[in-house]
Amino acid sequence: MDIDLLVEAALRRALVEPAGRLLYTSKEGEPGLFPATAPGRRAAAKAIQERYLEPAPEVGAECARITVKGREKIAGSLCTKTILEDFVRVLEHRQGIARQTLAAAQKQIDQLDRMQAGLGELRSALLGEDPPRSPQTAEITHVSKTNSNKPGAVQLLAGSLGMVREFLAEHERGSGADLLLFQLYDHLTGRLGPISLGEFQDQLRVWHGEGFVALHPWTGPLYQMPRPEVALLTGHEIACYVRWSGNPEVTTPELLTTQQTTSRTAQAGQFRSLVV
């Protein structure tokens, strides 16, 4: 194969992964900039000698990244549209892999939760013991007890439902459209102070589960999603929008707590009736 064609193909790959990647395709099949063949090694040697590529030891021992000279060479031989299409194709591929990984992890978590619940019911039926609490429940209880007299970001966020309702209602009256999640996050951090993305997303899941807010997915190309780090994985979709859907009378944490307690009491009564 022509050495110059191998160099050009490698520079196109390196251009869309500027941090660096493997110089040669590994035996395990992980793609590299060059094939692990004799022509590929000659092409790699030429690219390094011509200073189109340079070592990237912080990424890996046998990794390389494109240099300024390499970018200038590939930019001179390709149109801007082709370069951007290459970048978008790689980005969407990586995002697809990430979504599949997250979905698989969520499936495993759901299976573990069901196993935990089944173990609790079995112990209760056979030994007459109370169902064991999951580690997540124990952690939440611990946080609640240790922070009961110390209003932190989690408590402030949990008590901000009225503020959220007013903000979402005002946005809907003004535009008639759903609100982007990052806009809600920025609003809450501006009003309440620093809030981590994890705390925000956890509380959003609670409000969504209680039926107070509706989450809607992003339907455009993934590379066009604004502030993707704030988006929330819900099932097999990536939620990017939020809209108020709960009781319009809920404006205070106290009323929310009363409603939640009533709902959970009713659910517990239904469960007991099924057991009996």
Foldseek 3Di string as FASTA:
>chain_A
DDLVVLLLQLLLVQLLVQLKDACEQDPVGRHHSFHPDPSRVVSSVVCVVVQQWDDNPVVHPRIIHGDPVVVVVNPVVDPPVVSVVSNLVVVLVVVVVVLVVVLVVVVVVVVVVVVLVVVQVVCCVPVVDHRDDDPVVVVVVVCCVVCVVPDDPLNVVLWCLLVVQVVQVVVCVVPVDFAFQVVVVVVCCVVPNDDDLVSSQVSVVVCVVVQQKDFDADDDRPVPQPPQVNWDDDNSGTTTTMHTGDDSVDNGSVVVVVVVVVVVVVVVVVVVVVVD
